[in-house]
């Protein structure tokens, strides 16, 4: 099933409680930014961004039916 950007944004808002993590997920899933670009924008290392996004994606995707 495919989700619209607004649906993805709603799911992120519902299941991701940290505002920084929400913003990073939106940048990644909706805007298609790379981990490197998100790191530059947030002032975090690429490794930190990648770890945080993967953790939040796992939480988010666990709530989305297949």
C-alpha atoms as a PDB file:
ATOM      1  CA  UNK A   1       0.000   0.000   0.000  1.00  0.00           C
ATOM      2  CA  UNK A   2       1.276   3.429  -0.856  1.00  0.00           C
ATOM      3  CA  UNK A   3       0.797   6.410   1.404  1.00  0.00           C
ATOM      4  CA  UNK A   4       0.561  10.070   0.456  1.00  0.00           C
ATOM      5  CA  UNK A   5       2.949  12.586   1.972  1.00  0.00           C
ATOM      6  CA  UNK A   6       0.175  13.916   4.207  1.00  0.00           C
ATOM      7  CA  UNK A   7      -0.606  10.400   5.458  1.00  0.00           C
ATOM      8  CA  UNK A   8       3.080   9.774   6.173  1.00  0.00           C
ATOM      9  CA  UNK A   9       3.281  13.088   8.004  1.00  0.00           C
ATOM     10  CA  UNK A  10       0.241  12.137  10.127  1.00  0.00           C
ATOM     11  CA  UNK A  11       1.735   8.735  10.994  1.00  0.00           C
ATOM     12  CA  UNK A  12       5.028  10.345  11.972  1.00  0.00           C
ATOM     13  CA  UNK A  13       3.209  12.887  14.163  1.00  0.00           C
ATOM     14  CA  UNK A  14       1.241  10.121  15.867  1.00  0.00           C
ATOM     15  CA  UNK A  15       4.023   7.619  16.565  1.00  0.00           C
ATOM     16  CA  UNK A  16       7.270   9.628  16.788  1.00  0.00           C
ATOM     17  CA  UNK A  17       7.280  11.763  19.915  1.00  0.00           C
ATOM     18  CA  UNK A  18      10.638  13.530  19.666  1.00  0.00           C
ATOM     19  CA  UNK A  19      10.398  16.680  17.518  1.00  0.00           C
ATOM     20  CA  UNK A  20      13.930  16.333  16.114  1.00  0.00           C
ATOM     21  CA  UNK A  21      13.307  12.715  15.140  1.00  0.00           C
ATOM     22  CA  UNK A  22       9.975  13.700  13.561  1.00  0.00           C
ATOM     23  CA  UNK A  23      11.694  16.350  11.475  1.00  0.00           C
ATOM     24  CA  UNK A  24      14.462  13.957  10.395  1.00  0.00           C
ATOM     25  CA  UNK A  25      11.921  11.324   9.336  1.00  0.00           C
ATOM     26  CA  UNK A  26       9.972  13.890   7.327  1.00  0.00           C
ATOM     27  CA  UNK A  27      13.149  15.024   5.603  1.00  0.00           C
ATOM     28  CA  UNK A  28      14.068  11.432   4.797  1.00  0.00           C
ATOM     29  CA  UNK A  29      10.696   9.856   3.943  1.00  0.00           C
ATOM     30  CA  UNK A  30       8.872  12.819   2.403  1.00  0.00           C
ATOM     31  CA  UNK A  31      11.614  15.049   1.024  1.00  0.00           C
ATOM     32  CA  UNK A  32      13.971  12.201   0.115  1.00  0.00           C
ATOM     33  CA  UNK A  33      17.037  13.828   1.667  1.00  0.00           C
ATOM     34  CA  UNK A  34      20.178  11.796   2.228  1.00  0.00           C
ATOM     35  CA  UNK A  35      21.499  11.005   5.693  1.00  0.00           C
ATOM     36  CA  UNK A  36      24.431  13.296   4.962  1.00  0.00           C
ATOM     37  CA  UNK A  37      22.190  16.242   4.039  1.00  0.00           C
ATOM     38  CA  UNK A  38      20.027  15.703   7.108  1.00  0.00           C
ATOM     39  CA  UNK A  39      23.164  15.605   9.248  1.00  0.00           C
ATOM     40  CA  UNK A  40      24.335  18.873   7.748  1.00  0.00           C
ATOM     41  CA  UNK A  41      20.967  20.492   8.397  1.00  0.00           C
ATOM     42  CA  UNK A  42      20.675  19.213  11.979  1.00  0.00           C
ATOM     43  CA  UNK A  43      24.322  19.519  12.968  1.00  0.00           C
ATOM     44  CA  UNK A  44      24.614  15.782  13.646  1.00  0.00           C
ATOM     45  CA  UNK A  45      26.995  13.234  12.248  1.00  0.00           C
ATOM     46  CA  UNK A  46      25.778  11.018   9.443  1.00  0.00           C
ATOM     47  CA  UNK A  47      26.125   7.993  11.722  1.00  0.00           C
ATOM     48  CA  UNK A  48      23.934   9.571  14.404  1.00  0.00           C
ATOM     49  CA  UNK A  49      21.297  10.569  11.855  1.00  0.00           C
ATOM     50  CA  UNK A  50      21.273   7.087  10.347  1.00  0.00           C
ATOM     51  CA  UNK A  51      20.900   5.399  13.745  1.00  0.00           C
ATOM     52  CA  UNK A  52      18.127   7.712  14.900  1.00  0.00           C
ATOM     53  CA  UNK A  53      16.199   7.427  11.647  1.00  0.00           C
ATOM     54  CA  UNK A  54      16.469   3.632  11.547  1.00  0.00           C
ATOM     55  CA  UNK A  55      15.273   3.389  15.149  1.00  0.00           C
ATOM     56  CA  UNK A  56      12.286   5.653  14.515  1.00  0.00           C
ATOM     57  CA  UNK A  57      11.464   3.919  11.214  1.00  0.00           C
ATOM     58  CA  UNK A  58      11.251   0.605  13.057  1.00  0.00           C
ATOM     59  CA  UNK A  59       8.806   2.118  15.537  1.00  0.00           C
ATOM     60  CA  UNK A  60       6.807   3.817  12.796  1.00  0.00           C
ATOM     61  CA  UNK A  61       6.657   0.801  10.488  1.00  0.00           C
ATOM     62  CA  UNK A  62       5.593  -1.497  13.345  1.00  0.00           C
ATOM     63  CA  UNK A  63       2.322   0.478  13.473  1.00  0.00           C
ATOM     64  CA  UNK A  64       1.646   0.373   9.733  1.00  0.00           C
ATOM     65  CA  UNK A  65      -0.225  -2.660   8.436  1.00  0.00           C
ATOM     66  CA  UNK A  66       1.432  -4.611   5.605  1.00  0.00           C
END
